[in-house]
């Protein structure tokens, strides 16, 4: 029985990662397929994350601090009509927060650094300010936890994704992005704010809440199109 329990736990632990890898492969394949359409552009994207997490339970709220992470992956740009575009993407995104816990004359610092495969789907509008184009964008993102570390007292442990008291946070996150940037001959520089809508707390008893927000700065280069 113990062996079966261990095996089941192991499968559950790997499941989100397997799903994320399959999704990553599928979406990249779709991006390459889209290259057959003359108007579609595609390219790499990389940038900086400044993230923090709200952490609440039983009316008690921790004071989270911003930590620095990064994101990297690819985006596509699909023209719709009259300066409107659809910009889907697939990224690895490192997020998290740090905070201090004090009590009984003692204090402890803790850092949480989950990593996600993130799929943003942004609607974009461009203003032609020749030779550059300014743009605004907004849209949802879907994220799947695939790994990460929590650090406390000089010790580091792997983050466990899933529901229930044996886990650190849920694997699936849904949120919204809003941002702006400039397009200079297919070289894109942008800034955005993303806020999670999903409560990632593995156990929601005692009104527990865990949500992630990120300020991101990105550069990208697009190939293809006319």
Foldseek 3Di string as FASTA:
>chain_A
DVVVVVVVLVCVQCVLVVVLVVVQVVVVVVLVVVLVDQAKKKWKKKWKKFKEKWWDFLRDTFDWHTDIWMKIWMWMWADDDDQKIKIKTWMKTKYWTKTKDDDPNDIKIKTWIWIKTKIWIKIKGWDDPPPKIKMKIKGKMKIFTDWTWMDIPRDIDIAGAAADPVGAWHGIWMWMKIWIWMARPQKIKIKIKIWTPDFTGNDCPRNTGMIMIIIMIMIIGIDGHD
